């Protein structure tokens, strides 16, 4: 089942996909016009999801938010229920005050596998039924109703993710806000700015303060978050475009291709050419 609504004026799309054998059509490519955020729910048995060339375990009754520029395939896509939407349908940045998910649920650099307990499974099933009804109801308020439901879904998933991943801390909301803003700034600037000092300056915080905050939410330092984002993008460009290593070097803000090659090998154990040739693909459990 695939249900879709499109806004002809804005180009906004919302998709609800369930039980589809061929879910593998929303890949990252340099020419892809439609870029979808995804919330995937594995309703079947444990399976493997491949994200940006690396395998990950996707447990039963688990949610996984995915960014619009991530490439993914499921071992058994028929067991997946997924909500997909683009910025034209609902812009997370413009509505961050409503859903508080940017830089955490989406755009934090780490994968969030969110297990569902029985009460949350029940809530999600009810919401899924309402989504299905509204997507099958064509009237003049359909888009408004679906945006309201999508906001509810995002808020629900964010709350569940915070319960699992965010510790109870004094001034928790303030610290989480800084954490989210840092991730959002990295997402917008990683191609040209590789220094923690740059982002610390924008946030009016010291690099040490940022490191202390990151230690609460992440096993990576701020510098590692920046470097990981660069590596993820480099892998995508090597895998899904025909750009030369030299072109990718400059696109990712490096001045010297040799330095970029050393940087890439230090983080992946492969040169860019070896990675592109498929000699050894990265695998993560």
C-alpha atoms as a PDB file:
ATOM      1  CA  UNK A   1       0.000   0.000   0.000  1.00  0.00           C
ATOM      2  CA  UNK A   2       1.243   3.444  -0.914  1.00  0.00           C
ATOM      3  CA  UNK A   3      -0.910   6.475  -0.195  1.00  0.00           C
ATOM      4  CA  UNK A   4       0.166   9.896  -1.393  1.00  0.00           C
ATOM      5  CA  UNK A   5      -1.036  13.471  -1.222  1.00  0.00           C
ATOM      6  CA  UNK A   6       0.588  16.283  -3.203  1.00  0.00           C
ATOM      7  CA  UNK A   7       0.215  20.038  -3.049  1.00  0.00           C
ATOM      8  CA  UNK A   8       0.357  21.275  -6.632  1.00  0.00           C
ATOM      9  CA  UNK A   9       1.168  24.838  -5.560  1.00  0.00           C
ATOM     10  CA  UNK A  10       4.153  24.107  -3.325  1.00  0.00           C
ATOM     11  CA  UNK A  11       5.333  20.731  -4.622  1.00  0.00           C
ATOM     12  CA  UNK A  12       4.776  19.307  -1.141  1.00  0.00           C
ATOM     13  CA  UNK A  13       4.372  15.546  -0.804  1.00  0.00           C
ATOM     14  CA  UNK A  14       3.340  13.247   2.017  1.00  0.00           C
ATOM     15  CA  UNK A  15       3.597   9.494   1.538  1.00  0.00           C
ATOM     16  CA  UNK A  16       2.468   6.611   3.698  1.00  0.00           C
ATOM     17  CA  UNK A  17       4.032   3.319   2.615  1.00  0.00           C
ATOM     18  CA  UNK A  18       3.138  -0.074   4.064  1.00  0.00           C
ATOM     19  CA  UNK A  19       3.825  -3.618   2.885  1.00  0.00           C
ATOM     20  CA  UNK A  20       5.642  -2.541  -0.275  1.00  0.00           C
ATOM     21  CA  UNK A  21       8.100  -5.062  -1.698  1.00  0.00           C
ATOM     22  CA  UNK A  22       9.959  -2.380  -3.644  1.00  0.00           C
ATOM     23  CA  UNK A  23      10.657   0.432  -1.220  1.00  0.00           C
ATOM     24  CA  UNK A  24      14.093   1.146  -2.655  1.00  0.00           C
ATOM     25  CA  UNK A  25      13.292   4.034  -4.951  1.00  0.00           C
ATOM     26  CA  UNK A  26      14.151   7.029  -2.773  1.00  0.00           C
ATOM     27  CA  UNK A  27      17.898   6.991  -3.205  1.00  0.00           C
ATOM     28  CA  UNK A  28      20.365   9.820  -2.858  1.00  0.00           C
ATOM     29  CA  UNK A  29      21.513  10.920  -6.296  1.00  0.00           C
ATOM     30  CA  UNK A  30      22.876  14.228  -7.499  1.00  0.00           C
ATOM     31  CA  UNK A  31      19.846  14.709  -9.768  1.00  0.00           C
ATOM     32  CA  UNK A  32      17.095  13.644  -7.407  1.00  0.00           C
ATOM     33  CA  UNK A  33      14.391  16.299  -7.356  1.00  0.00           C
ATOM     34  CA  UNK A  34      12.367  14.980  -4.434  1.00  0.00           C
ATOM     35  CA  UNK A  35      14.098  14.826  -1.061  1.00  0.00           C
ATOM     36  CA  UNK A  36      12.077  13.092   1.649  1.00  0.00           C
ATOM     37  CA  UNK A  37      12.440  12.909   5.401  1.00  0.00           C
ATOM     38  CA  UNK A  38      11.461   9.404   6.529  1.00  0.00           C
ATOM     39  CA  UNK A  39      10.146   7.843   9.717  1.00  0.00           C
ATOM     40  CA  UNK A  40      10.369   4.054   9.320  1.00  0.00           C
ATOM     41  CA  UNK A  41       8.682   1.505  11.590  1.00  0.00           C
ATOM     42  CA  UNK A  42       9.790  -2.131  11.489  1.00  0.00           C
ATOM     43  CA  UNK A  43       6.657  -4.127  12.305  1.00  0.00           C
ATOM     44  CA  UNK A  44       8.205  -7.494  11.432  1.00  0.00           C
ATOM     45  CA  UNK A  45      11.102  -9.549  12.695  1.00  0.00           C
ATOM     46  CA  UNK A  46      14.650  -8.307  13.140  1.00  0.00           C
ATOM     47  CA  UNK A  47      16.158  -7.355   9.801  1.00  0.00           C
ATOM     48  CA  UNK A  48      19.053  -5.454   8.258  1.00  0.00           C
ATOM     49  CA  UNK A  49      18.866  -1.912   6.946  1.00  0.00           C
ATOM     50  CA  UNK A  50      21.700  -0.643   4.781  1.00  0.00           C
ATOM     51  CA  UNK A  51      22.281   3.086   5.215  1.00  0.00           C
ATOM     52  CA  UNK A  52      24.894   4.864   3.130  1.00  0.00           C
ATOM     53  CA  UNK A  53      26.698   1.605   2.430  1.00  0.00           C
ATOM     54  CA  UNK A  54      26.742   0.269   6.000  1.00  0.00           C
ATOM     55  CA  UNK A  55      24.558  -2.494   7.459  1.00  0.00           C
ATOM     56  CA  UNK A  56      22.677  -1.937  10.720  1.00  0.00           C
ATOM     57  CA  UNK A  57      20.387  -4.167  12.781  1.00  0.00           C
ATOM     58  CA  UNK A  58      16.781  -2.955  12.677  1.00  0.00           C
ATOM     59  CA  UNK A  59      14.948  -4.615  15.564  1.00  0.00           C
ATOM     60  CA  UNK A  60      11.219  -5.459  15.681  1.00  0.00           C
ATOM     61  CA  UNK A  61       8.820  -2.683  16.731  1.00  0.00           C
ATOM     62  CA  UNK A  62      11.462  -0.021  16.380  1.00  0.00           C
ATOM     63  CA  UNK A  63      11.280   3.415  14.766  1.00  0.00           C
ATOM     64  CA  UNK A  64      14.082   4.996  12.771  1.00  0.00           C
ATOM     65  CA  UNK A  65      14.111   8.612  11.535  1.00  0.00           C
ATOM     66  CA  UNK A  66      16.116   9.122   8.333  1.00  0.00           C
ATOM     67  CA  UNK A  67      17.325  12.346   6.735  1.00  0.00           C
ATOM     68  CA  UNK A  68      16.354  13.347   3.204  1.00  0.00           C
ATOM     69  CA  UNK A  69      19.888  12.773   1.881  1.00  0.00           C
ATOM     70  CA  UNK A  70      20.444   9.307   3.327  1.00  0.00           C
ATOM     71  CA  UNK A  71      20.432   6.280   1.065  1.00  0.00           C
ATOM     72  CA  UNK A  72      18.779   3.205   2.529  1.00  0.00           C
ATOM     73  CA  UNK A  73      17.500  -0.224   1.616  1.00  0.00           C
ATOM     74  CA  UNK A  74      15.665  -2.750   3.777  1.00  0.00           C
ATOM     75  CA  UNK A  75      16.247  -6.484   3.917  1.00  0.00           C
ATOM     76  CA  UNK A  76      12.451  -6.973   3.987  1.00  0.00           C
ATOM     77  CA  UNK A  77      10.752  -3.772   2.932  1.00  0.00           C
ATOM     78  CA  UNK A  78       7.331  -5.451   3.085  1.00  0.00           C
ATOM     79  CA  UNK A  79       7.609  -5.379   6.909  1.00  0.00           C
ATOM     80  CA  UNK A  80       8.162  -1.609   6.950  1.00  0.00           C
ATOM     81  CA  UNK A  81       5.652   1.147   7.511  1.00  0.00           C
ATOM     82  CA  UNK A  82       7.067   4.527   6.568  1.00  0.00           C
ATOM     83  CA  UNK A  83       5.948   8.123   6.577  1.00  0.00           C
ATOM     84  CA  UNK A  84       7.799  10.323   4.093  1.00  0.00           C
ATOM     85  CA  UNK A  85       7.472  14.057   3.510  1.00  0.00           C
ATOM     86  CA  UNK A  86       9.476  16.836   1.943  1.00  0.00           C
ATOM     87  CA  UNK A  87      10.224  20.376   3.096  1.00  0.00           C
ATOM     88  CA  UNK A  88       7.590  21.786   0.783  1.00  0.00           C
ATOM     89  CA  UNK A  89       4.913  19.818   2.626  1.00  0.00           C
ATOM     90  CA  UNK A  90       6.159  20.580   6.135  1.00  0.00           C
ATOM     91  CA  UNK A  91       9.338  22.536   6.833  1.00  0.00           C
ATOM     92  CA  UNK A  92      10.860  21.291  10.071  1.00  0.00           C
ATOM     93  CA  UNK A  93      13.124  24.315  10.448  1.00  0.00           C
ATOM     94  CA  UNK A  94      10.298  26.827  10.074  1.00  0.00           C
ATOM     95  CA  UNK A  95       8.208  24.892  12.599  1.00  0.00           C
ATOM     96  CA  UNK A  96      10.951  23.856  15.014  1.00  0.00           C
ATOM     97  CA  UNK A  97       9.261  25.738  17.863  1.00  0.00           C
ATOM     98  CA  UNK A  98       6.302  23.395  17.410  1.00  0.00           C
ATOM     99  CA  UNK A  99       8.068  20.038  17.139  1.00  0.00           C
ATOM    100  CA  UNK A 100      11.591  20.657  18.564  1.00  0.00           C
ATOM    101  CA  UNK A 101      13.197  17.899  16.518  1.00  0.00           C
ATOM    102  CA  UNK A 102      15.692  19.598  14.214  1.00  0.00           C
ATOM    103  CA  UNK A 103      19.255  18.712  15.140  1.00  0.00           C
ATOM    104  CA  UNK A 104      18.072  15.831  17.306  1.00  0.00           C
ATOM    105  CA  UNK A 105      15.529  13.594  15.609  1.00  0.00           C
ATOM    106  CA  UNK A 106      16.716  14.769  12.196  1.00  0.00           C
ATOM    107  CA  UNK A 107      20.184  16.053  11.455  1.00  0.00           C
ATOM    108  CA  UNK A 108      22.239  15.038  14.483  1.00  0.00           C
ATOM    109  CA  UNK A 109      24.609  12.759  12.618  1.00  0.00           C
ATOM    110  CA  UNK A 110      23.758   9.598  14.585  1.00  0.00           C
ATOM    111  CA  UNK A 111      21.117   6.979  13.878  1.00  0.00           C
ATOM    112  CA  UNK A 112      18.324   6.882  16.462  1.00  0.00           C
ATOM    113  CA  UNK A 113      16.774   3.431  16.777  1.00  0.00           C
ATOM    114  CA  UNK A 114      13.752   4.019  19.012  1.00  0.00           C
ATOM    115  CA  UNK A 115      12.122   0.911  20.562  1.00  0.00           C
ATOM    116  CA  UNK A 116       8.354   0.934  21.018  1.00  0.00           C
ATOM    117  CA  UNK A 117       6.823  -0.410  24.211  1.00  0.00           C
ATOM    118  CA  UNK A 118       3.251  -1.731  24.142  1.00  0.00           C
ATOM    119  CA  UNK A 119       1.522   1.595  24.990  1.00  0.00           C
ATOM    120  CA  UNK A 120       3.468   3.459  22.301  1.00  0.00           C
ATOM    121  CA  UNK A 121       2.762   0.722  19.772  1.00  0.00           C
ATOM    122  CA  UNK A 122      -0.950   1.160  20.481  1.00  0.00           C
ATOM    123  CA  UNK A 123      -0.726   4.942  20.101  1.00  0.00           C
ATOM    124  CA  UNK A 124       1.137   4.618  16.823  1.00  0.00           C
ATOM    125  CA  UNK A 125      -1.368   2.119  15.443  1.00  0.00           C
ATOM    126  CA  UNK A 126      -4.212   4.518  16.212  1.00  0.00           C
ATOM    127  CA  UNK A 127      -2.331   7.372  14.519  1.00  0.00           C
ATOM    128  CA  UNK A 128      -1.592   5.145  11.517  1.00  0.00           C
ATOM    129  CA  UNK A 129      -5.299   4.353  11.135  1.00  0.00           C
ATOM    130  CA  UNK A 130      -6.181   8.051  11.209  1.00  0.00           C
ATOM    131  CA  UNK A 131      -3.467   8.837   8.652  1.00  0.00           C
ATOM    132  CA  UNK A 132      -4.867   6.142   6.374  1.00  0.00           C
ATOM    133  CA  UNK A 133      -8.413   7.498   6.695  1.00  0.00           C
ATOM    134  CA  UNK A 134      -7.342  11.069   5.975  1.00  0.00           C
ATOM    135  CA  UNK A 135      -5.195  10.101   2.994  1.00  0.00           C
ATOM    136  CA  UNK A 136      -8.258   8.382   1.546  1.00  0.00           C
ATOM    137  CA  UNK A 137     -10.466  11.435   2.181  1.00  0.00           C
ATOM    138  CA  UNK A 138     -10.153  13.996  -0.601  1.00  0.00           C
ATOM    139  CA  UNK A 139     -11.558  17.341   0.485  1.00  0.00           C
ATOM    140  CA  UNK A 140     -10.505  20.967   0.857  1.00  0.00           C
ATOM    141  CA  UNK A 141      -9.086  20.510   4.374  1.00  0.00           C
ATOM    142  CA  UNK A 142      -7.168  17.292   3.711  1.00  0.00           C
ATOM    143  CA  UNK A 143      -3.731  18.942   3.707  1.00  0.00           C
ATOM    144  CA  UNK A 144      -4.430  20.830   6.930  1.00  0.00           C
ATOM    145  CA  UNK A 145      -5.543  17.640   8.643  1.00  0.00           C
ATOM    146  CA  UNK A 146      -2.496  15.725   7.422  1.00  0.00           C
ATOM    147  CA  UNK A 147      -0.074  18.448   8.547  1.00  0.00           C
ATOM    148  CA  UNK A 148      -1.681  18.339  11.984  1.00  0.00           C
ATOM    149  CA  UNK A 149      -1.286  14.542  12.090  1.00  0.00           C
ATOM    150  CA  UNK A 150       2.310  14.754  10.865  1.00  0.00           C
ATOM    151  CA  UNK A 151       3.155  17.241  13.617  1.00  0.00           C
ATOM    152  CA  UNK A 152       1.596  14.877  16.141  1.00  0.00           C
ATOM    153  CA  UNK A 153       3.676  11.981  14.787  1.00  0.00           C
ATOM    154  CA  UNK A 154       6.928  13.972  14.907  1.00  0.00           C
ATOM    155  CA  UNK A 155       6.244  15.203  18.441  1.00  0.00           C
ATOM    156  CA  UNK A 156       5.413  11.660  19.584  1.00  0.00           C
ATOM    157  CA  UNK A 157       8.579  10.196  18.051  1.00  0.00           C
ATOM    158  CA  UNK A 158      10.694  13.037  19.477  1.00  0.00           C
ATOM    159  CA  UNK A 159       9.307  12.406  22.968  1.00  0.00           C
ATOM    160  CA  UNK A 160      10.085   8.701  22.708  1.00  0.00           C
ATOM    161  CA  UNK A 161      13.597   9.409  21.439  1.00  0.00           C
ATOM    162  CA  UNK A 162      14.254  11.850  24.265  1.00  0.00           C
ATOM    163  CA  UNK A 163      13.173   9.234  26.802  1.00  0.00           C
ATOM    164  CA  UNK A 164      15.709   6.768  25.391  1.00  0.00           C
ATOM    165  CA  UNK A 165      18.620   9.020  24.473  1.00  0.00           C
ATOM    166  CA  UNK A 166      18.481  12.117  26.678  1.00  0.00           C
ATOM    167  CA  UNK A 167      19.535  11.845  30.354  1.00  0.00           C
ATOM    168  CA  UNK A 168      17.718  13.708  33.104  1.00  0.00           C
ATOM    169  CA  UNK A 169      19.940  16.705  33.732  1.00  0.00           C
ATOM    170  CA  UNK A 170      19.696  20.129  35.298  1.00  0.00           C
ATOM    171  CA  UNK A 171      18.960  22.719  32.591  1.00  0.00           C
ATOM    172  CA  UNK A 172      18.320  19.809  30.235  1.00  0.00           C
ATOM    173  CA  UNK A 173      16.235  21.772  27.721  1.00  0.00           C
ATOM    174  CA  UNK A 174      18.795  24.553  27.458  1.00  0.00           C
ATOM    175  CA  UNK A 175      21.652  22.100  26.909  1.00  0.00           C
ATOM    176  CA  UNK A 176      19.662  20.067  24.400  1.00  0.00           C
ATOM    177  CA  UNK A 177      18.834  23.265  22.518  1.00  0.00           C
ATOM    178  CA  UNK A 178      22.546  24.070  22.179  1.00  0.00           C
ATOM    179  CA  UNK A 179      23.223  20.477  21.081  1.00  0.00           C
ATOM    180  CA  UNK A 180      20.493  20.701  18.438  1.00  0.00           C
ATOM    181  CA  UNK A 181      21.637  24.102  17.185  1.00  0.00           C
ATOM    182  CA  UNK A 182      25.209  22.857  16.832  1.00  0.00           C
ATOM    183  CA  UNK A 183      24.063  19.906  14.704  1.00  0.00           C
ATOM    184  CA  UNK A 184      21.885  22.181  12.588  1.00  0.00           C
ATOM    185  CA  UNK A 185      24.762  24.620  12.048  1.00  0.00           C
ATOM    186  CA  UNK A 186      27.066  21.762  11.054  1.00  0.00           C
ATOM    187  CA  UNK A 187      24.481  20.530   8.557  1.00  0.00           C
ATOM    188  CA  UNK A 188      24.402  23.955   6.935  1.00  0.00           C
ATOM    189  CA  UNK A 189      28.131  24.717   6.973  1.00  0.00           C
ATOM    190  CA  UNK A 190      30.198  21.500   7.034  1.00  0.00           C
ATOM    191  CA  UNK A 191      31.260  21.896   3.406  1.00  0.00           C
ATOM    192  CA  UNK A 192      33.186  25.056   4.195  1.00  0.00           C
ATOM    193  CA  UNK A 193      33.708  25.179   7.971  1.00  0.00           C
ATOM    194  CA  UNK A 194      35.603  22.339   9.676  1.00  0.00           C
ATOM    195  CA  UNK A 195      36.571  23.996  12.962  1.00  0.00           C
ATOM    196  CA  UNK A 196      34.715  23.701  16.273  1.00  0.00           C
ATOM    197  CA  UNK A 197      35.758  27.298  17.015  1.00  0.00           C
ATOM    198  CA  UNK A 198      33.595  28.525  14.126  1.00  0.00           C
ATOM    199  CA  UNK A 199      30.447  26.891  15.501  1.00  0.00           C
ATOM    200  CA  UNK A 200      31.281  27.780  19.103  1.00  0.00           C
ATOM    201  CA  UNK A 201      31.496  31.415  18.043  1.00  0.00           C
ATOM    202  CA  UNK A 202      28.075  31.314  16.395  1.00  0.00           C
ATOM    203  CA  UNK A 203      26.614  29.816  19.581  1.00  0.00           C
ATOM    204  CA  UNK A 204      28.516  32.190  21.911  1.00  0.00           C
ATOM    205  CA  UNK A 205      29.945  29.194  23.744  1.00  0.00           C
ATOM    206  CA  UNK A 206      33.476  27.989  24.313  1.00  0.00           C
ATOM    207  CA  UNK A 207      34.652  24.781  22.609  1.00  0.00           C
ATOM    208  CA  UNK A 208      35.053  23.247  26.082  1.00  0.00           C
ATOM    209  CA  UNK A 209      31.427  24.039  26.959  1.00  0.00           C
ATOM    210  CA  UNK A 210      30.293  22.366  23.751  1.00  0.00           C
ATOM    211  CA  UNK A 211      32.394  19.294  24.548  1.00  0.00           C
ATOM    212  CA  UNK A 212      30.828  19.055  28.002  1.00  0.00           C
ATOM    213  CA  UNK A 213      27.320  19.280  26.549  1.00  0.00           C
ATOM    214  CA  UNK A 214      28.071  16.691  23.866  1.00  0.00           C
ATOM    215  CA  UNK A 215      29.326  14.258  26.479  1.00  0.00           C
ATOM    216  CA  UNK A 216      25.744  14.117  27.807  1.00  0.00           C
ATOM    217  CA  UNK A 217      24.109  13.151  24.521  1.00  0.00           C
ATOM    218  CA  UNK A 218      26.730  11.670  22.257  1.00  0.00           C
ATOM    219  CA  UNK A 219      29.834   9.504  22.379  1.00  0.00           C
ATOM    220  CA  UNK A 220      31.415  11.819  19.801  1.00  0.00           C
ATOM    221  CA  UNK A 221      33.133  15.129  20.421  1.00  0.00           C
ATOM    222  CA  UNK A 222      31.992  18.214  18.477  1.00  0.00           C
ATOM    223  CA  UNK A 223      35.044  17.855  16.222  1.00  0.00           C
ATOM    224  CA  UNK A 224      34.173  14.221  15.520  1.00  0.00           C
ATOM    225  CA  UNK A 225      30.612  15.229  14.621  1.00  0.00           C
ATOM    226  CA  UNK A 226      31.949  17.656  12.012  1.00  0.00           C
ATOM    227  CA  UNK A 227      34.386  15.092  10.637  1.00  0.00           C
ATOM    228  CA  UNK A 228      31.751  12.344  10.544  1.00  0.00           C
ATOM    229  CA  UNK A 229      29.392  14.595   8.562  1.00  0.00           C
ATOM    230  CA  UNK A 230      32.142  15.289   6.037  1.00  0.00           C
ATOM    231  CA  UNK A 231      32.899  11.571   5.691  1.00  0.00           C
ATOM    232  CA  UNK A 232      29.225  10.687   5.216  1.00  0.00           C
ATOM    233  CA  UNK A 233      28.943  13.251   2.428  1.00  0.00           C
ATOM    234  CA  UNK A 234      32.202  12.109   0.844  1.00  0.00           C
ATOM    235  CA  UNK A 235      30.930   8.512   0.754  1.00  0.00           C
ATOM    236  CA  UNK A 236      27.695   9.605  -0.885  1.00  0.00           C
ATOM    237  CA  UNK A 237      29.469  11.659  -3.517  1.00  0.00           C
ATOM    238  CA  UNK A 238      31.861   8.795  -4.251  1.00  0.00           C
ATOM    239  CA  UNK A 239      29.065   6.226  -4.394  1.00  0.00           C
ATOM    240  CA  UNK A 240      26.327   8.105  -6.199  1.00  0.00           C
ATOM    241  CA  UNK A 241      27.989  10.691  -8.425  1.00  0.00           C
ATOM    242  CA  UNK A 242      30.687  10.608 -11.080  1.00  0.00           C
ATOM    243  CA  UNK A 243      32.563  13.561  -9.610  1.00  0.00           C
ATOM    244  CA  UNK A 244      36.314  13.158  -9.441  1.00  0.00           C
ATOM    245  CA  UNK A 245      38.166  12.957  -6.143  1.00  0.00           C
ATOM    246  CA  UNK A 246      39.585  16.384  -6.915  1.00  0.00           C
ATOM    247  CA  UNK A 247      36.105  17.846  -7.416  1.00  0.00           C
ATOM    248  CA  UNK A 248      34.880  16.260  -4.184  1.00  0.00           C
ATOM    249  CA  UNK A 249      37.936  17.622  -2.362  1.00  0.00           C
ATOM    250  CA  UNK A 250      37.021  21.200  -3.243  1.00  0.00           C
ATOM    251  CA  UNK A 251      33.275  20.675  -2.768  1.00  0.00           C
ATOM    252  CA  UNK A 252      33.907  19.564   0.821  1.00  0.00           C
ATOM    253  CA  UNK A 253      36.093  22.546   1.657  1.00  0.00           C
ATOM    254  CA  UNK A 254      39.546  21.000   1.343  1.00  0.00           C
ATOM    255  CA  UNK A 255      42.270  22.779  -0.609  1.00  0.00           C
ATOM    256  CA  UNK A 256      44.585  19.817  -1.224  1.00  0.00           C
ATOM    257  CA  UNK A 257      43.359  16.515  -2.734  1.00  0.00           C
ATOM    258  CA  UNK A 258      46.239  14.649  -1.079  1.00  0.00           C
ATOM    259  CA  UNK A 259      45.224  15.985   2.338  1.00  0.00           C
ATOM    260  CA  UNK A 260      41.592  15.022   1.687  1.00  0.00           C
ATOM    261  CA  UNK A 261      42.653  11.497   0.654  1.00  0.00           C
ATOM    262  CA  UNK A 262      44.633  11.118   3.878  1.00  0.00           C
ATOM    263  CA  UNK A 263      41.699  12.475   5.898  1.00  0.00           C
ATOM    264  CA  UNK A 264      39.313  10.017   4.222  1.00  0.00           C
ATOM    265  CA  UNK A 265      41.650   7.043   4.723  1.00  0.00           C
ATOM    266  CA  UNK A 266      42.216   7.930   8.384  1.00  0.00           C
ATOM    267  CA  UNK A 267      38.478   7.691   9.012  1.00  0.00           C
ATOM    268  CA  UNK A 268      37.521   4.796   6.719  1.00  0.00           C
ATOM    269  CA  UNK A 269      40.732   2.728   6.358  1.00  0.00           C
ATOM    270  CA  UNK A 270      40.372   3.154   2.583  1.00  0.00           C
ATOM    271  CA  UNK A 271      41.417   5.704   0.013  1.00  0.00           C
ATOM    272  CA  UNK A 272      38.591   7.395  -1.912  1.00  0.00           C
ATOM    273  CA  UNK A 273      39.529   5.376  -4.996  1.00  0.00           C
ATOM    274  CA  UNK A 274      39.414   2.090  -3.060  1.00  0.00           C
ATOM    275  CA  UNK A 275      36.048   3.024  -1.564  1.00  0.00           C
ATOM    276  CA  UNK A 276      34.597   3.933  -4.955  1.00  0.00           C
ATOM    277  CA  UNK A 277      35.838   0.694  -6.494  1.00  0.00           C
ATOM    278  CA  UNK A 278      33.912  -1.273  -3.895  1.00  0.00           C
ATOM    279  CA  UNK A 279      36.964  -3.174  -2.688  1.00  0.00           C
ATOM    280  CA  UNK A 280      35.682  -3.094   0.886  1.00  0.00           C
ATOM    281  CA  UNK A 281      32.350  -1.592   1.935  1.00  0.00           C
ATOM    282  CA  UNK A 282      31.931  -0.356   5.516  1.00  0.00           C
ATOM    283  CA  UNK A 283      29.712  -2.483   7.739  1.00  0.00           C
ATOM    284  CA  UNK A 284      28.270  -1.484  11.113  1.00  0.00           C
ATOM    285  CA  UNK A 285      26.333  -3.655  13.528  1.00  0.00           C
END
